[in-house]
Amino acid sequence: KNVEVDFFIPKNHRAIQVSYSLADNATKQREVKALLKLSEIYAIDKLEIITWDEEYTIHENRVTIQVVPIWKWLLE
């Protein structure tokens, strides 16, 4: 299977998508779908979507995706 995500760090079991905003539903679905597909193939502990200023949690298909603003992500 071919899955495109912005960043995949297999050693850390982490996948990251980057999007300025998820306010547009089509954008949100595209970003989430890619992470969900990857999580079906690999054991991933941390799924994230980095945005400009949005912050919330998405629960879909028994998977949790953290939506994090870039400033907070950079402080990790």
PDB file of N, CA and C in Angstrom:
ATOM      1  N   LYS A   1       0.838  -1.193   0.000  1.00  0.00           N
ATOM      2  CA  LYS A   1       0.000   0.000   0.000  1.00  0.00           C
ATOM      3  C   LYS A   1       0.873   1.244   0.000  1.00  0.00           C
ATOM      4  N   ASN A   2       0.418   2.249  -0.711  1.00  0.00           N
ATOM      5  CA  ASN A   2       1.131   3.515  -0.773  1.00  0.00           C
ATOM      6  C   ASN A   2       0.361   4.548   0.048  1.00  0.00           C
ATOM      7  N   VAL A   3       0.996   5.065   1.094  1.00  0.00           N
ATOM      8  CA  VAL A   3       0.377   6.068   1.956  1.00  0.00           C
ATOM      9  C   VAL A   3       1.320   7.262   2.031  1.00  0.00           C
ATOM     10  N   GLU A   4       0.762   8.442   1.845  1.00  0.00           N
ATOM     11  CA  GLU A   4       1.589   9.645   1.900  1.00  0.00           C
ATOM     12  C   GLU A   4       1.265  10.451   3.147  1.00  0.00           C
ATOM     13  N   VAL A   5       2.272  10.592   4.018  1.00  0.00           N
ATOM     14  CA  VAL A   5       2.156  11.479   5.174  1.00  0.00           C
ATOM     15  C   VAL A   5       3.376  12.405   5.141  1.00  0.00           C
ATOM     16  N   ASP A   6       3.275  13.505   5.862  1.00  0.00           N
ATOM     17  CA  ASP A   6       4.361  14.482   5.826  1.00  0.00           C
ATOM     18  C   ASP A   6       5.617  13.976   6.533  1.00  0.00           C
ATOM     19  N   PHE A   7       5.442  13.388   7.707  1.00  0.00           N
ATOM     20  CA  PHE A   7       6.579  12.864   8.457  1.00  0.00           C
ATOM     21  C   PHE A   7       6.209  11.535   9.087  1.00  0.00           C
ATOM     22  N   PHE A   8       7.073  10.549   8.924  1.00  0.00           N
ATOM     23  CA  PHE A   8       6.888   9.236   9.539  1.00  0.00           C
ATOM     24  C   PHE A   8       8.210   8.835  10.159  1.00  0.00           C
ATOM     25  N   ILE A   9       8.203   8.629  11.457  1.00  0.00           N
ATOM     26  CA  ILE A   9       9.411   8.252  12.183  1.00  0.00           C
ATOM     27  C   ILE A   9       9.187   6.852  12.756  1.00  0.00           C
ATOM     28  N   PRO A  10       9.495   5.816  11.975  1.00  0.00           N
ATOM     29  CA  PRO A  10       9.209   4.442  12.402  1.00  0.00           C
ATOM     30  C   PRO A  10       9.852   4.082  13.741  1.00  0.00           C
ATOM     31  N   LYS A  11      11.078   4.530  13.955  1.00  0.00           N
ATOM     32  CA  LYS A  11      11.783   4.202  15.192  1.00  0.00           C
ATOM     33  C   LYS A  11      11.032   4.700  16.427  1.00  0.00           C
ATOM     34  N   ASN A  12      10.369   5.836  16.293  1.00  0.00           N
ATOM     35  CA  ASN A  12       9.613   6.429  17.403  1.00  0.00           C
ATOM     36  C   ASN A  12       8.124   6.119  17.332  1.00  0.00           C
ATOM     37  N   HIS A  13       7.711   5.342  16.341  1.00  0.00           N
ATOM     38  CA  HIS A  13       6.294   4.999  16.163  1.00  0.00           C
ATOM     39  C   HIS A  13       5.433   6.263  16.123  1.00  0.00           C
ATOM     40  N   ARG A  14       5.843   7.202  15.272  1.00  0.00           N
ATOM     41  CA  ARG A  14       5.204   8.518  15.224  1.00  0.00           C
ATOM     42  C   ARG A  14       4.958   8.942  13.783  1.00  0.00           C
ATOM     43  N   ALA A  15       3.790   9.530  13.546  1.00  0.00           N
ATOM     44  CA  ALA A  15       3.452  10.061  12.222  1.00  0.00           C
ATOM     45  C   ALA A  15       2.849  11.450  12.393  1.00  0.00           C
ATOM     46  N   ILE A  16       3.218  12.344  11.477  1.00  0.00           N
ATOM     47  CA  ILE A  16       2.802  13.737  11.592  1.00  0.00           C
ATOM     48  C   ILE A  16       2.324  14.256  10.229  1.00  0.00           C
ATOM     49  N   GLN A  17       1.186  14.908  10.247  1.00  0.00           N
ATOM     50  CA  GLN A  17       0.706  15.666   9.108  1.00  0.00           C
ATOM     51  C   GLN A  17       0.802  17.139   9.478  1.00  0.00           C
ATOM     52  N   VAL A  18       0.993  17.991   8.482  1.00  0.00           N
ATOM     53  CA  VAL A  18       1.074  19.427   8.724  1.00  0.00           C
ATOM     54  C   VAL A  18       0.067  20.121   7.816  1.00  0.00           C
ATOM     55  N   SER A  19      -0.752  20.984   8.431  1.00  0.00           N
ATOM     56  CA  SER A  19      -1.748  21.734   7.673  1.00  0.00           C
ATOM     57  C   SER A  19      -1.984  23.061   8.374  1.00  0.00           C
ATOM     58  N   TYR A  20      -2.031  24.126   7.615  1.00  0.00           N
ATOM     59  CA  TYR A  20      -2.264  25.444   8.223  1.00  0.00           C
ATOM     60  C   TYR A  20      -3.534  25.435   9.068  1.00  0.00           C
ATOM     61  N   SER A  21      -4.589  24.816   8.520  1.00  0.00           N
ATOM     62  CA  SER A  21      -5.867  24.785   9.221  1.00  0.00           C
ATOM     63  C   SER A  21      -6.647  23.540   8.820  1.00  0.00           C
ATOM     64  N   LEU A  22      -7.481  23.080   9.738  1.00  0.00           N
ATOM     65  CA  LEU A  22      -8.391  21.967   9.434  1.00  0.00           C
ATOM     66  C   LEU A  22      -9.832  22.448   9.368  1.00  0.00           C
ATOM     67  N   ALA A  23     -10.021  23.756   9.272  1.00  0.00           N
ATOM     68  CA  ALA A  23     -11.373  24.322   9.230  1.00  0.00           C
ATOM     69  C   ALA A  23     -12.155  23.828   8.016  1.00  0.00           C
ATOM     70  N   ASP A  24     -11.466  23.628   6.896  1.00  0.00           N
ATOM     71  CA  ASP A  24     -12.112  23.090   5.701  1.00  0.00           C
ATOM     72  C   ASP A  24     -12.255  21.582   5.877  1.00  0.00           C
ATOM     73  N   ASN A  25     -13.470  21.084   5.798  1.00  0.00           N
ATOM     74  CA  ASN A  25     -13.733  19.669   6.057  1.00  0.00           C
ATOM     75  C   ASN A  25     -12.972  18.739   5.103  1.00  0.00           C
ATOM     76  N   ALA A  26     -12.839  19.121   3.841  1.00  0.00           N
ATOM     77  CA  ALA A  26     -12.116  18.284   2.875  1.00  0.00           C
ATOM     78  C   ALA A  26     -10.643  18.153   3.274  1.00  0.00           C
ATOM     79  N   THR A  27     -10.063  19.247   3.731  1.00  0.00           N
ATOM     80  CA  THR A  27      -8.668  19.220   4.185  1.00  0.00           C
ATOM     81  C   THR A  27      -8.533  18.324   5.411  1.00  0.00           C
ATOM     82  N   LYS A  28      -9.437  18.502   6.343  1.00  0.00           N
ATOM     83  CA  LYS A  28      -9.399  17.687   7.570  1.00  0.00           C
ATOM     84  C   LYS A  28      -9.507  16.204   7.228  1.00  0.00           C
ATOM     85  N   GLN A  29     -10.453  15.848   6.379  1.00  0.00           N
ATOM     86  CA  GLN A  29     -10.642  14.438   6.017  1.00  0.00           C
ATOM     87  C   GLN A  29      -9.409  13.872   5.316  1.00  0.00           C
ATOM     88  N   ARG A  30      -8.783  14.644   4.448  1.00  0.00           N
ATOM     89  CA  ARG A  30      -7.580  14.190   3.742  1.00  0.00           C
ATOM     90  C   ARG A  30      -6.442  13.911   4.717  1.00  0.00           C
ATOM     91  N   GLU A  31      -6.221  14.823   5.645  1.00  0.00           N
ATOM     92  CA  GLU A  31      -5.124  14.670   6.605  1.00  0.00           C
ATOM     93  C   GLU A  31      -5.381  13.490   7.549  1.00  0.00           C
ATOM     94  N   VAL A  32      -6.590  13.368   8.024  1.00  0.00           N
ATOM     95  CA  VAL A  32      -6.953  12.277   8.934  1.00  0.00           C
ATOM     96  C   VAL A  32      -6.877  10.934   8.216  1.00  0.00           C
ATOM     97  N   LYS A  33      -7.394  10.879   7.003  1.00  0.00           N
ATOM     98  CA  LYS A  33      -7.408   9.627   6.238  1.00  0.00           C
ATOM     99  C   LYS A  33      -5.999   9.068   6.052  1.00  0.00           C
ATOM    100  N   ALA A  34      -5.039   9.933   5.743  1.00  0.00           N
ATOM    101  CA  ALA A  34      -3.657   9.479   5.544  1.00  0.00           C
ATOM    102  C   ALA A  34      -3.100   8.868   6.821  1.00  0.00           C
ATOM    103  N   LEU A  35      -3.346   9.505   7.959  1.00  0.00           N
ATOM    104  CA  LEU A  35      -2.852   8.971   9.231  1.00  0.00           C
ATOM    105  C   LEU A  35      -3.542   7.651   9.586  1.00  0.00           C
ATOM    106  N   LEU A  36      -4.835   7.568   9.331  1.00  0.00           N
ATOM    107  CA  LEU A  36      -5.560   6.324   9.617  1.00  0.00           C
ATOM    108  C   LEU A  36      -5.042   5.177   8.759  1.00  0.00           C
ATOM    109  N   LYS A  37      -4.793   5.442   7.478  1.00  0.00           N
ATOM    110  CA  LYS A  37      -4.257   4.404   6.591  1.00  0.00           C
ATOM    111  C   LYS A  37      -2.907   3.908   7.087  1.00  0.00           C
ATOM    112  N   LEU A  38      -2.046   4.835   7.459  1.00  0.00           N
ATOM    113  CA  LEU A  38      -0.724   4.452   7.943  1.00  0.00           C
ATOM    114  C   LEU A  38      -0.825   3.639   9.229  1.00  0.00           C
ATOM    115  N   SER A  39      -1.769   3.999  10.093  1.00  0.00           N
ATOM    116  CA  SER A  39      -1.928   3.280  11.357  1.00  0.00           C
ATOM    117  C   SER A  39      -2.452   1.856  11.150  1.00  0.00           C
ATOM    118  N   GLU A  40      -3.029   1.582   9.997  1.00  0.00           N
ATOM    119  CA  GLU A  40      -3.472   0.219   9.674  1.00  0.00           C
ATOM    120  C   GLU A  40      -2.287  -0.660   9.268  1.00  0.00           C
ATOM    121  N   ILE A  41      -1.225  -0.038   8.784  1.00  0.00           N
ATOM    122  CA  ILE A  41      -0.069  -0.768   8.280  1.00  0.00           C
ATOM    123  C   ILE A  41       1.013  -0.924   9.350  1.00  0.00           C
ATOM    124  N   TYR A  42       1.227   0.130  10.136  1.00  0.00           N
ATOM    125  CA  TYR A  42       2.292   0.151  11.138  1.00  0.00           C
ATOM    126  C   TYR A  42       1.711   0.386  12.528  1.00  0.00           C
ATOM    127  N   ALA A  43       2.401  -0.128  13.528  1.00  0.00           N
ATOM    128  CA  ALA A  43       2.043   0.164  14.918  1.00  0.00           C
ATOM    129  C   ALA A  43       2.566   1.566  15.229  1.00  0.00           C
ATOM    130  N   ILE A  44       1.660   2.494  15.409  1.00  0.00           N
ATOM    131  CA  ILE A  44       2.044   3.880  15.657  1.00  0.00           C
ATOM    132  C   ILE A  44       1.472   4.308  17.004  1.00  0.00           C
ATOM    133  N   ASP A  45       2.334   4.861  17.845  1.00  0.00           N
ATOM    134  CA  ASP A  45       1.916   5.302  19.173  1.00  0.00           C
ATOM    135  C   ASP A  45       1.410   6.735  19.181  1.00  0.00           C
ATOM    136  N   LYS A  46       1.933   7.554  18.277  1.00  0.00           N
ATOM    137  CA  LYS A  46       1.576   8.971  18.312  1.00  0.00           C
ATOM    138  C   LYS A  46       1.261   9.473  16.909  1.00  0.00           C
ATOM    139  N   LEU A  47       0.020   9.888  16.725  1.00  0.00           N
ATOM    140  CA  LEU A  47      -0.438  10.477  15.463  1.00  0.00           C
ATOM    141  C   LEU A  47      -0.763  11.944  15.736  1.00  0.00           C
ATOM    142  N   GLU A  48      -0.215  12.824  14.907  1.00  0.00           N
ATOM    143  CA  GLU A  48      -0.421  14.251  15.131  1.00  0.00           C
ATOM    144  C   GLU A  48      -0.699  14.991  13.825  1.00  0.00           C
ATOM    145  N   ILE A  49      -1.466  16.050  13.949  1.00  0.00           N
ATOM    146  CA  ILE A  49      -1.620  17.009  12.865  1.00  0.00           C
ATOM    147  C   ILE A  49      -1.223  18.357  13.454  1.00  0.00           C
ATOM    148  N   ILE A  50      -0.195  18.948  12.884  1.00  0.00           N
ATOM    149  CA  ILE A  50       0.284  20.247  13.351  1.00  0.00           C
ATOM    150  C   ILE A  50      -0.411  21.325  12.524  1.00  0.00           C
ATOM    151  N   THR A  51      -1.008  22.291  13.223  1.00  0.00           N
ATOM    152  CA  THR A  51      -1.720  23.391  12.568  1.00  0.00           C
ATOM    153  C   THR A  51      -1.150  24.725  13.048  1.00  0.00           C
ATOM    154  N   TRP A  52      -1.671  25.801  12.502  1.00  0.00           N
ATOM    155  CA  TRP A  52      -1.216  27.117  12.937  1.00  0.00           C
ATOM    156  C   TRP A  52      -1.675  27.412  14.364  1.00  0.00           C
ATOM    157  N   ASP A  53      -2.983  27.206  14.638  1.00  0.00           N
ATOM    158  CA  ASP A  53      -3.462  27.565  15.980  1.00  0.00           C
ATOM    159  C   ASP A  53      -4.614  26.697  16.499  1.00  0.00           C
ATOM    160  N   GLU A  54      -4.892  25.595  15.851  1.00  0.00           N
ATOM    161  CA  GLU A  54      -5.981  24.731  16.303  1.00  0.00           C
ATOM    162  C   GLU A  54      -5.465  23.668  17.257  1.00  0.00           C
ATOM    163  N   GLU A  55      -6.314  23.318  18.233  1.00  0.00           N
ATOM    164  CA  GLU A  55      -5.916  22.293  19.195  1.00  0.00           C
ATOM    165  C   GLU A  55      -7.148  21.519  19.657  1.00  0.00           C
ATOM    166  N   TYR A  56      -7.154  20.232  19.368  1.00  0.00           N
ATOM    167  CA  TYR A  56      -8.204  19.334  19.844  1.00  0.00           C
ATOM    168  C   TYR A  56      -7.793  17.908  19.545  1.00  0.00           C
ATOM    169  N   THR A  57      -8.613  16.966  19.943  1.00  0.00           N
ATOM    170  CA  THR A  57      -8.323  15.555  19.738  1.00  0.00           C
ATOM    171  C   THR A  57      -9.368  14.950  18.823  1.00  0.00           C
ATOM    172  N   ILE A  58      -8.924  14.130  17.895  1.00  0.00           N
ATOM    173  CA  ILE A  58      -9.825  13.411  16.993  1.00  0.00           C
ATOM    174  C   ILE A  58      -9.779  11.943  17.384  1.00  0.00           C
ATOM    175  N   HIS A  59     -10.952  11.357  17.589  1.00  0.00           N
ATOM    176  CA  HIS A  59     -11.058   9.921  17.855  1.00  0.00           C
ATOM    177  C   HIS A  59     -11.815   9.304  16.682  1.00  0.00           C
ATOM    178  N   GLU A  60     -11.145   8.433  15.962  1.00  0.00           N
ATOM    179  CA  GLU A  60     -11.775   7.803  14.801  1.00  0.00           C
ATOM    180  C   GLU A  60     -11.200   6.400  14.603  1.00  0.00           C
ATOM    181  N   ASN A  61     -12.073   5.430  14.383  1.00  0.00           N
ATOM    182  CA  ASN A  61     -11.653   4.033  14.151  1.00  0.00           C
ATOM    183  C   ASN A  61     -10.706   3.522  15.237  1.00  0.00           C
ATOM    184  N   ARG A  62     -11.048   3.786  16.481  1.00  0.00           N
ATOM    185  CA  ARG A  62     -10.228   3.349  17.622  1.00  0.00           C
ATOM    186  C   ARG A  62      -8.818   3.949  17.599  1.00  0.00           C
ATOM    187  N   VAL A  63      -8.654   5.060  16.916  1.00  0.00           N
ATOM    188  CA  VAL A  63      -7.367   5.738  16.802  1.00  0.00           C
ATOM    189  C   VAL A  63      -7.530   7.166  17.335  1.00  0.00           C
ATOM    190  N   THR A  64      -6.488   7.636  18.019  1.00  0.00           N
ATOM    191  CA  THR A  64      -6.491   9.010  18.537  1.00  0.00           C
ATOM    192  C   THR A  64      -5.459   9.832  17.779  1.00  0.00           C
ATOM    193  N   ILE A  65      -5.905  10.983  17.296  1.00  0.00           N
ATOM    194  CA  ILE A  65      -5.033  11.917  16.588  1.00  0.00           C
ATOM    195  C   ILE A  65      -5.066  13.242  17.346  1.00  0.00           C
ATOM    196  N   GLN A  66      -3.885  13.710  17.716  1.00  0.00           N
ATOM    197  CA  GLN A  66      -3.791  14.997  18.405  1.00  0.00           C
ATOM    198  C   GLN A  66      -3.591  16.109  17.376  1.00  0.00           C
ATOM    199  N   VAL A  67      -4.446  17.112  17.428  1.00  0.00           N
ATOM    200  CA  VAL A  67      -4.282  18.308  16.602  1.00  0.00           C
ATOM    201  C   VAL A  67      -3.615  19.344  17.509  1.00  0.00           C
ATOM    202  N   VAL A  68      -2.441  19.818  17.092  1.00  0.00           N
ATOM    203  CA  VAL A  68      -1.609  20.652  17.954  1.00  0.00           C
ATOM    204  C   VAL A  68      -1.177  21.906  17.203  1.00  0.00           C
ATOM    205  N   PRO A  69      -1.268  23.079  17.853  1.00  0.00           N
ATOM    206  CA  PRO A  69      -0.744  24.295  17.204  1.00  0.00           C
ATOM    207  C   PRO A  69       0.785  24.243  17.149  1.00  0.00           C
ATOM    208  N   ILE A  70       1.333  24.814  16.109  1.00  0.00           N
ATOM    209  CA  ILE A  70       2.775  24.746  15.879  1.00  0.00           C
ATOM    210  C   ILE A  70       3.577  25.274  17.056  1.00  0.00           C
ATOM    211  N   TRP A  71       3.152  26.345  17.691  1.00  0.00           N
ATOM    212  CA  TRP A  71       3.921  26.918  18.805  1.00  0.00           C
ATOM    213  C   TRP A  71       4.044  25.905  19.946  1.00  0.00           C
ATOM    214  N   LYS A  72       2.967  25.180  20.213  1.00  0.00           N
ATOM    215  CA  LYS A  72       3.001  24.202  21.303  1.00  0.00           C
ATOM    216  C   LYS A  72       3.851  23.001  20.909  1.00  0.00           C
ATOM    217  N   TRP A  73       3.749  22.598  19.665  1.00  0.00           N
ATOM    218  CA  TRP A  73       4.532  21.451  19.189  1.00  0.00           C
ATOM    219  C   TRP A  73       6.023  21.751  19.283  1.00  0.00           C
ATOM    220  N   LEU A  74       6.409  22.972  18.958  1.00  0.00           N
ATOM    221  CA  LEU A  74       7.814  23.366  19.010  1.00  0.00           C
ATOM    222  C   LEU A  74       8.370  23.391  20.437  1.00  0.00           C
ATOM    223  N   LEU A  75       7.506  23.521  21.411  1.00  0.00           N
ATOM    224  CA  LEU A  75       7.942  23.546  22.815  1.00  0.00           C
ATOM    225  C   LEU A  75       8.138  22.143  23.398  1.00  0.00           C
ATOM    226  N   GLU A  76       7.743  21.120  22.656  1.00  0.00           N
ATOM    227  CA  GLU A  76       7.892  19.740  23.164  1.00  0.00           C
ATOM    228  C   GLU A  76       9.344  19.387  23.362  1.00  0.00           C
TER     229      GLU A  76
END
